[in-house]
Amino acid sequence: GAQPSKTYYDRAGRAIKQINTGYNNQQSVVKTEYDQYGRAYRTSIALDSDRAPSADEWQTSTFDILGRVLETTSPSFNGSTLQVSTRYSYFSVIQTHSDGATTIKKSKAYNVAGELLGITDNKGGGEQATSSTIIYRYDAYGQLLYTTDSAVNQVKMEYDALGNKIKTIDPDKGTWEYRYNALGQLKWQKDANGQVTWINYDNLGRVTQRISNAQS
């Protein structure tokens, strides 16, 4: 059967240590440390015992002001280190490896109106590499009509004369319907399971009540 695995947390509820026990009762210990902003800035390689990792047994990360990973330094088996630098732009996310390899992790395409036309995500590397694309299409008013993924699954949207979305048809999540009041506020919605929710507002536009037929 499954061997025991135990995770330890700090006072902030963050995982700081995970101990896995193999079938031969050998332990594998992974430790994580956080910076003052709560970001996991270094994680150890799998250790053979619950001990303090040495300096060359950590994978460390640096971040930009938005909290995105800029650079990751990992130990390699030959005693050297591998650095991966990440560059973000409006159109793409590009990773450059210290061995010279460059990977486009994410790319985006826009039309002349600035509307997003497609996103391509590339994951993994080598034989394990996978790629997925989502295509976006709009009507003449700039309203999103449908998205199409790599498996040719389409999510479709319908709108009323005022541009309010009144229906979403999703092959995975089912069909959702929406209705609005004279101020354009969502007042009614029905999910794919037929559950209806009514929403009431005060004079300042704040939600005061939500009523669902699941409660009756």
C-alpha atoms as a PDB file:
ATOM      1  CA  GLY A   1       0.000   0.000   0.000  1.00  0.00           C
ATOM      2  CA  ALA A   2       0.879   3.673   0.029  1.00  0.00           C
ATOM      3  CA  GLN A   3       3.792   4.615   2.238  1.00  0.00           C
ATOM      4  CA  PRO A   4       3.387   7.386   4.820  1.00  0.00           C
ATOM      5  CA  SER A   5       3.973  10.983   3.857  1.00  0.00           C
ATOM      6  CA  LYS A   6       4.020  13.796   6.385  1.00  0.00           C
ATOM      7  CA  THR A   7       3.994  17.566   5.818  1.00  0.00           C
ATOM      8  CA  TYR A   8       4.967  20.144   8.435  1.00  0.00           C
ATOM      9  CA  TYR A   9       3.713  23.741   8.405  1.00  0.00           C
ATOM     10  CA  ASP A  10       4.816  27.004   9.980  1.00  0.00           C
ATOM     11  CA  ARG A  11       2.556  29.353  11.951  1.00  0.00           C
ATOM     12  CA  ALA A  12       1.400  30.991   8.717  1.00  0.00           C
ATOM     13  CA  GLY A  13       0.140  27.651   7.409  1.00  0.00           C
ATOM     14  CA  ARG A  14       2.898  27.311   4.812  1.00  0.00           C
ATOM     15  CA  ALA A  15       4.465  23.936   4.061  1.00  0.00           C
ATOM     16  CA  ILE A  16       8.065  23.965   5.294  1.00  0.00           C
ATOM     17  CA  LYS A  17       8.974  20.273   5.285  1.00  0.00           C
ATOM     18  CA  GLN A  18       7.700  17.128   3.613  1.00  0.00           C
ATOM     19  CA  ILE A  19       8.915  13.670   4.572  1.00  0.00           C
ATOM     20  CA  ASN A  20       8.194  10.719   2.303  1.00  0.00           C
ATOM     21  CA  THR A  21       9.012   7.123   3.186  1.00  0.00           C
ATOM     22  CA  GLY A  22       9.873   4.692   0.406  1.00  0.00           C
ATOM     23  CA  TYR A  23       9.127   0.988   0.222  1.00  0.00           C
ATOM     24  CA  ASN A  24      12.566   0.245   1.640  1.00  0.00           C
ATOM     25  CA  ASN A  25      11.808   2.586   4.571  1.00  0.00           C
ATOM     26  CA  GLN A  26      14.283   5.157   3.315  1.00  0.00           C
ATOM     27  CA  GLN A  27      13.216   8.729   3.918  1.00  0.00           C
ATOM     28  CA  SER A  28      13.160  11.530   1.398  1.00  0.00           C
ATOM     29  CA  VAL A  29      12.966  15.006   2.925  1.00  0.00           C
ATOM     30  CA  VAL A  30      12.224  18.260   1.064  1.00  0.00           C
ATOM     31  CA  LYS A  31      12.451  21.594   2.883  1.00  0.00           C
ATOM     32  CA  THR A  32      11.118  24.998   1.835  1.00  0.00           C
ATOM     33  CA  GLU A  33      11.996  28.447   3.152  1.00  0.00           C
ATOM     34  CA  TYR A  34      10.141  31.734   2.613  1.00  0.00           C
ATOM     35  CA  ASP A  35      11.244  35.352   2.382  1.00  0.00           C
ATOM     36  CA  GLN A  36       9.751  38.296   4.281  1.00  0.00           C
ATOM     37  CA  TYR A  37       6.989  38.603   1.657  1.00  0.00           C
ATOM     38  CA  GLY A  38       5.868  34.998   2.050  1.00  0.00           C
ATOM     39  CA  ARG A  39       7.380  33.810  -1.230  1.00  0.00           C
ATOM     40  CA  ALA A  40       9.018  30.377  -1.401  1.00  0.00           C
ATOM     41  CA  TYR A  41      12.490  31.591  -2.282  1.00  0.00           C
ATOM     42  CA  ARG A  42      14.329  28.313  -1.850  1.00  0.00           C
ATOM     43  CA  THR A  43      13.502  24.612  -1.823  1.00  0.00           C
ATOM     44  CA  SER A  44      15.922  21.810  -1.066  1.00  0.00           C
ATOM     45  CA  ILE A  45      16.600  18.834  -3.242  1.00  0.00           C
ATOM     46  CA  ALA A  46      15.304  15.531  -1.872  1.00  0.00           C
ATOM     47  CA  LEU A  47      17.503  14.807   1.160  1.00  0.00           C
ATOM     48  CA  ASP A  48      18.217  11.341   2.537  1.00  0.00           C
ATOM     49  CA  SER A  49      17.559  12.448   6.128  1.00  0.00           C
ATOM     50  CA  ASP A  50      15.973  15.255   8.145  1.00  0.00           C
ATOM     51  CA  ARG A  51      19.068  17.431   8.232  1.00  0.00           C
ATOM     52  CA  ALA A  52      20.058  20.965   7.307  1.00  0.00           C
ATOM     53  CA  PRO A  53      20.709  21.206   3.551  1.00  0.00           C
ATOM     54  CA  SER A  54      24.146  22.361   2.489  1.00  0.00           C
ATOM     55  CA  ALA A  55      24.541  25.464   0.338  1.00  0.00           C
ATOM     56  CA  ASP A  56      24.627  23.451  -2.885  1.00  0.00           C
ATOM     57  CA  GLU A  57      21.475  21.482  -2.053  1.00  0.00           C
ATOM     58  CA  TRP A  58      19.067  24.395  -2.474  1.00  0.00           C
ATOM     59  CA  GLN A  59      17.096  25.560  -5.492  1.00  0.00           C
ATOM     60  CA  THR A  60      16.777  29.322  -5.032  1.00  0.00           C
ATOM     61  CA  SER A  61      14.552  31.885  -6.744  1.00  0.00           C
ATOM     62  CA  THR A  62      14.536  35.664  -7.102  1.00  0.00           C
ATOM     63  CA  PHE A  63      11.426  37.706  -7.866  1.00  0.00           C
ATOM     64  CA  ASP A  64      10.363  40.968  -9.482  1.00  0.00           C
ATOM     65  CA  ILE A  65       8.197  43.589  -7.751  1.00  0.00           C
ATOM     66  CA  LEU A  66       5.072  41.750  -8.941  1.00  0.00           C
ATOM     67  CA  GLY A  67       6.164  38.539  -7.245  1.00  0.00           C
ATOM     68  CA  ARG A  68       6.970  36.732 -10.484  1.00  0.00           C
ATOM     69  CA  VAL A  69      10.013  34.460 -10.601  1.00  0.00           C
ATOM     70  CA  LEU A  70      12.917  36.164 -12.385  1.00  0.00           C
ATOM     71  CA  GLU A  71      15.695  33.647 -11.888  1.00  0.00           C
ATOM     72  CA  THR A  72      15.972  30.123 -10.524  1.00  0.00           C
ATOM     73  CA  THR A  73      19.291  28.515  -9.628  1.00  0.00           C
ATOM     74  CA  SER A  74      19.319  24.730  -9.234  1.00  0.00           C
ATOM     75  CA  PRO A  75      22.090  22.266  -8.333  1.00  0.00           C
ATOM     76  CA  SER A  76      23.001  19.739 -11.004  1.00  0.00           C
ATOM     77  CA  PHE A  77      24.409  16.250 -10.692  1.00  0.00           C
ATOM     78  CA  ASN A  78      27.882  17.194 -11.957  1.00  0.00           C
ATOM     79  CA  GLY A  79      28.488  19.703  -9.181  1.00  0.00           C
ATOM     80  CA  SER A  80      27.685  22.794 -11.231  1.00  0.00           C
ATOM     81  CA  THR A  81      24.530  24.889 -11.130  1.00  0.00           C
ATOM     82  CA  LEU A  82      21.819  25.524 -13.687  1.00  0.00           C
ATOM     83  CA  GLN A  83      20.319  29.000 -13.907  1.00  0.00           C
ATOM     84  CA  VAL A  84      17.018  29.773 -15.583  1.00  0.00           C
ATOM     85  CA  SER A  85      16.173  33.426 -16.203  1.00  0.00           C
ATOM     86  CA  THR A  86      12.617  34.478 -17.036  1.00  0.00           C
ATOM     87  CA  ARG A  87      11.691  37.592 -19.003  1.00  0.00           C
ATOM     88  CA  TYR A  88       8.108  38.862 -19.089  1.00  0.00           C
ATOM     89  CA  SER A  89       6.560  41.103 -21.713  1.00  0.00           C
ATOM     90  CA  TYR A  90       3.130  42.050 -22.986  1.00  0.00           C
ATOM     91  CA  PHE A  91       3.393  39.353 -25.643  1.00  0.00           C
ATOM     92  CA  SER A  92       5.372  36.514 -24.108  1.00  0.00           C
ATOM     93  CA  VAL A  93       7.159  34.808 -21.245  1.00  0.00           C
ATOM     94  CA  ILE A  94      10.661  33.686 -22.285  1.00  0.00           C
ATOM     95  CA  GLN A  95      13.040  31.530 -20.264  1.00  0.00           C
ATOM     96  CA  THR A  96      16.791  31.456 -20.918  1.00  0.00           C
ATOM     97  CA  HIS A  97      18.931  28.646 -19.482  1.00  0.00           C
ATOM     98  CA  SER A  98      22.566  28.974 -18.474  1.00  0.00           C
ATOM     99  CA  ASP A  99      23.409  26.242 -20.991  1.00  0.00           C
ATOM    100  CA  GLY A 100      22.245  28.576 -23.759  1.00  0.00           C
ATOM    101  CA  ALA A 101      18.816  27.083 -24.386  1.00  0.00           C
ATOM    102  CA  THR A 102      15.878  29.465 -24.764  1.00  0.00           C
ATOM    103  CA  THR A 103      12.254  28.463 -24.268  1.00  0.00           C
ATOM    104  CA  ILE A 104       9.164  30.501 -25.039  1.00  0.00           C
ATOM    105  CA  LYS A 105       6.906  29.433 -22.150  1.00  0.00           C
ATOM    106  CA  LYS A 106       3.943  31.563 -23.125  1.00  0.00           C
ATOM    107  CA  SER A 107       3.131  33.701 -26.143  1.00  0.00           C
ATOM    108  CA  LYS A 108       0.186  35.991 -26.845  1.00  0.00           C
ATOM    109  CA  ALA A 109      -1.207  37.451 -30.065  1.00  0.00           C
ATOM    110  CA  TYR A 110      -3.369  40.575 -30.388  1.00  0.00           C
ATOM    111  CA  ASN A 111      -5.251  42.268 -33.209  1.00  0.00           C
ATOM    112  CA  VAL A 112      -4.986  45.967 -34.124  1.00  0.00           C
ATOM    113  CA  ALA A 113      -7.774  46.767 -31.645  1.00  0.00           C
ATOM    114  CA  GLY A 114      -5.714  45.310 -28.814  1.00  0.00           C
ATOM    115  CA  GLU A 115      -8.000  42.318 -28.393  1.00  0.00           C
ATOM    116  CA  LEU A 116      -6.377  39.063 -27.317  1.00  0.00           C
ATOM    117  CA  LEU A 117      -6.499  36.578 -30.198  1.00  0.00           C
ATOM    118  CA  GLY A 118      -4.596  33.639 -28.775  1.00  0.00           C
ATOM    119  CA  ILE A 119      -2.436  32.295 -25.954  1.00  0.00           C
ATOM    120  CA  THR A 120       0.028  29.426 -26.367  1.00  0.00           C
ATOM    121  CA  ASP A 121       1.444  27.696 -23.281  1.00  0.00           C
ATOM    122  CA  ASN A 122       4.511  25.487 -23.575  1.00  0.00           C
ATOM    123  CA  LYS A 123       5.260  23.168 -20.659  1.00  0.00           C
ATOM    124  CA  GLY A 124       8.066  20.760 -19.929  1.00  0.00           C
ATOM    125  CA  GLY A 125      10.986  20.054 -22.212  1.00  0.00           C
ATOM    126  CA  GLY A 126      12.396  17.427 -24.525  1.00  0.00           C
ATOM    127  CA  GLU A 127      10.167  14.401 -25.002  1.00  0.00           C
ATOM    128  CA  GLN A 128       7.951  15.602 -22.136  1.00  0.00           C
ATOM    129  CA  ALA A 129       7.201  18.952 -23.785  1.00  0.00           C
ATOM    130  CA  THR A 130       3.554  19.820 -24.335  1.00  0.00           C
ATOM    131  CA  SER A 131       1.882  22.799 -25.950  1.00  0.00           C
ATOM    132  CA  SER A 132      -1.653  24.120 -25.638  1.00  0.00           C
ATOM    133  CA  THR A 133      -3.339  27.016 -27.425  1.00  0.00           C
ATOM    134  CA  ILE A 134      -6.538  28.934 -26.758  1.00  0.00           C
ATOM    135  CA  ILE A 135      -7.981  31.061 -29.583  1.00  0.00           C
ATOM    136  CA  TYR A 136     -10.328  34.006 -28.911  1.00  0.00           C
ATOM    137  CA  ARG A 137     -12.867  35.434 -31.369  1.00  0.00           C
ATOM    138  CA  TYR A 138     -14.946  38.624 -31.057  1.00  0.00           C
ATOM    139  CA  ASP A 139     -17.922  40.289 -32.731  1.00  0.00           C
ATOM    140  CA  ALA A 140     -17.919  43.761 -34.309  1.00  0.00           C
ATOM    141  CA  TYR A 141     -18.576  45.306 -30.877  1.00  0.00           C
ATOM    142  CA  GLY A 142     -15.535  43.711 -29.276  1.00  0.00           C
ATOM    143  CA  GLN A 143     -17.586  41.164 -27.346  1.00  0.00           C
ATOM    144  CA  LEU A 144     -15.977  37.753 -26.894  1.00  0.00           C
ATOM    145  CA  LEU A 145     -18.034  35.267 -28.914  1.00  0.00           C
ATOM    146  CA  TYR A 146     -16.141  32.050 -28.295  1.00  0.00           C
ATOM    147  CA  THR A 147     -12.849  30.458 -27.331  1.00  0.00           C
ATOM    148  CA  THR A 148     -11.374  27.331 -28.884  1.00  0.00           C
ATOM    149  CA  ASP A 149      -8.718  25.177 -27.206  1.00  0.00           C
ATOM    150  CA  SER A 150      -6.201  22.740 -28.697  1.00  0.00           C
ATOM    151  CA  ALA A 151      -8.730  19.906 -28.477  1.00  0.00           C
ATOM    152  CA  VAL A 152     -11.185  22.020 -30.530  1.00  0.00           C
ATOM    153  CA  ASN A 153     -13.495  22.436 -27.546  1.00  0.00           C
ATOM    154  CA  GLN A 154     -15.451  25.680 -27.836  1.00  0.00           C
ATOM    155  CA  VAL A 155     -16.858  27.888 -25.095  1.00  0.00           C
ATOM    156  CA  LYS A 156     -19.525  30.179 -26.560  1.00  0.00           C
ATOM    157  CA  MET A 157     -21.024  33.402 -25.220  1.00  0.00           C
ATOM    158  CA  GLU A 158     -24.296  35.176 -26.081  1.00  0.00           C
ATOM    159  CA  TYR A 159     -25.251  38.793 -25.314  1.00  0.00           C
ATOM    160  CA  ASP A 160     -28.353  40.989 -25.176  1.00  0.00           C
ATOM    161  CA  ALA A 161     -28.810  44.235 -27.136  1.00  0.00           C
ATOM    162  CA  LEU A 162     -27.033  46.188 -24.382  1.00  0.00           C
ATOM    163  CA  GLY A 163     -23.947  44.000 -24.467  1.00  0.00           C
ATOM    164  CA  ASN A 164     -24.700  42.073 -21.287  1.00  0.00           C
ATOM    165  CA  LYS A 165     -23.668  38.424 -21.392  1.00  0.00           C
ATOM    166  CA  ILE A 166     -26.823  36.313 -21.156  1.00  0.00           C
ATOM    167  CA  LYS A 167     -25.496  32.809 -21.805  1.00  0.00           C
ATOM    168  CA  THR A 168     -22.277  30.795 -21.600  1.00  0.00           C
ATOM    169  CA  ILE A 169     -22.137  27.377 -23.245  1.00  0.00           C
ATOM    170  CA  ASP A 170     -19.178  25.337 -22.013  1.00  0.00           C
ATOM    171  CA  PRO A 171     -18.644  21.655 -22.937  1.00  0.00           C
ATOM    172  CA  ASP A 172     -17.070  21.044 -19.515  1.00  0.00           C
ATOM    173  CA  LYS A 173     -19.072  23.306 -17.176  1.00  0.00           C
ATOM    174  CA  GLY A 174     -22.394  23.198 -19.013  1.00  0.00           C
ATOM    175  CA  THR A 175     -24.704  26.102 -19.870  1.00  0.00           C
ATOM    176  CA  TRP A 176     -25.126  29.159 -17.636  1.00  0.00           C
ATOM    177  CA  GLU A 177     -27.753  31.878 -18.162  1.00  0.00           C
ATOM    178  CA  TYR A 178     -27.843  35.465 -16.856  1.00  0.00           C
ATOM    179  CA  ARG A 179     -30.431  38.265 -16.584  1.00  0.00           C
ATOM    180  CA  TYR A 180     -29.987  41.932 -15.638  1.00  0.00           C
ATOM    181  CA  ASN A 181     -32.013  44.826 -14.228  1.00  0.00           C
ATOM    182  CA  ALA A 182     -32.481  48.234 -15.860  1.00  0.00           C
ATOM    183  CA  LEU A 183     -29.154  49.404 -14.405  1.00  0.00           C
ATOM    184  CA  GLY A 184     -27.237  46.544 -15.984  1.00  0.00           C
ATOM    185  CA  GLN A 185     -26.719  44.757 -12.674  1.00  0.00           C
ATOM    186  CA  LEU A 186     -26.861  40.970 -12.632  1.00  0.00           C
ATOM    187  CA  LYS A 187     -30.187  40.064 -10.997  1.00  0.00           C
ATOM    188  CA  TRP A 188     -30.638  36.388 -11.926  1.00  0.00           C
ATOM    189  CA  GLN A 189     -28.474  33.485 -12.985  1.00  0.00           C
ATOM    190  CA  LYS A 190     -29.006  29.800 -13.623  1.00  0.00           C
ATOM    191  CA  ASP A 191     -26.107  27.372 -13.540  1.00  0.00           C
ATOM    192  CA  ALA A 192     -25.598  24.143 -15.455  1.00  0.00           C
ATOM    193  CA  ASN A 193     -27.352  22.159 -12.708  1.00  0.00           C
ATOM    194  CA  GLY A 194     -30.494  24.271 -12.942  1.00  0.00           C
ATOM    195  CA  GLN A 195     -29.828  26.117  -9.679  1.00  0.00           C
ATOM    196  CA  VAL A 196     -31.214  29.657  -9.870  1.00  0.00           C
ATOM    197  CA  THR A 197     -29.856  32.593  -7.873  1.00  0.00           C
ATOM    198  CA  TRP A 198     -31.612  35.964  -7.466  1.00  0.00           C
ATOM    199  CA  ILE A 199     -29.549  39.006  -6.481  1.00  0.00           C
ATOM    200  CA  ASN A 200     -30.894  42.203  -4.875  1.00  0.00           C
ATOM    201  CA  TYR A 201     -29.136  45.575  -4.529  1.00  0.00           C
ATOM    202  CA  ASP A 202     -29.537  48.747  -2.483  1.00  0.00           C
ATOM    203  CA  ASN A 203     -29.660  52.275  -3.936  1.00  0.00           C
ATOM    204  CA  LEU A 204     -25.860  52.443  -3.946  1.00  0.00           C
ATOM    205  CA  GLY A 205     -25.550  49.320  -6.084  1.00  0.00           C
ATOM    206  CA  ARG A 206     -24.345  47.118  -3.264  1.00  0.00           C
ATOM    207  CA  VAL A 207     -25.508  43.512  -3.075  1.00  0.00           C
ATOM    208  CA  THR A 208     -27.959  43.149  -0.193  1.00  0.00           C
ATOM    209  CA  GLN A 209     -29.315  39.664  -0.745  1.00  0.00           C
ATOM    210  CA  ARG A 210     -28.681  36.477  -2.654  1.00  0.00           C
ATOM    211  CA  ILE A 211     -31.461  33.909  -2.827  1.00  0.00           C
ATOM    212  CA  SER A 212     -30.954  30.456  -4.303  1.00  0.00           C
ATOM    213  CA  ASN A 213     -33.576  27.825  -5.034  1.00  0.00           C
ATOM    214  CA  ALA A 214     -31.165  25.325  -3.476  1.00  0.00           C
ATOM    215  CA  GLN A 215     -32.041  26.893  -0.113  1.00  0.00           C
ATOM    216  CA  SER A 216     -35.749  26.226  -0.416  1.00  0.00           C
END
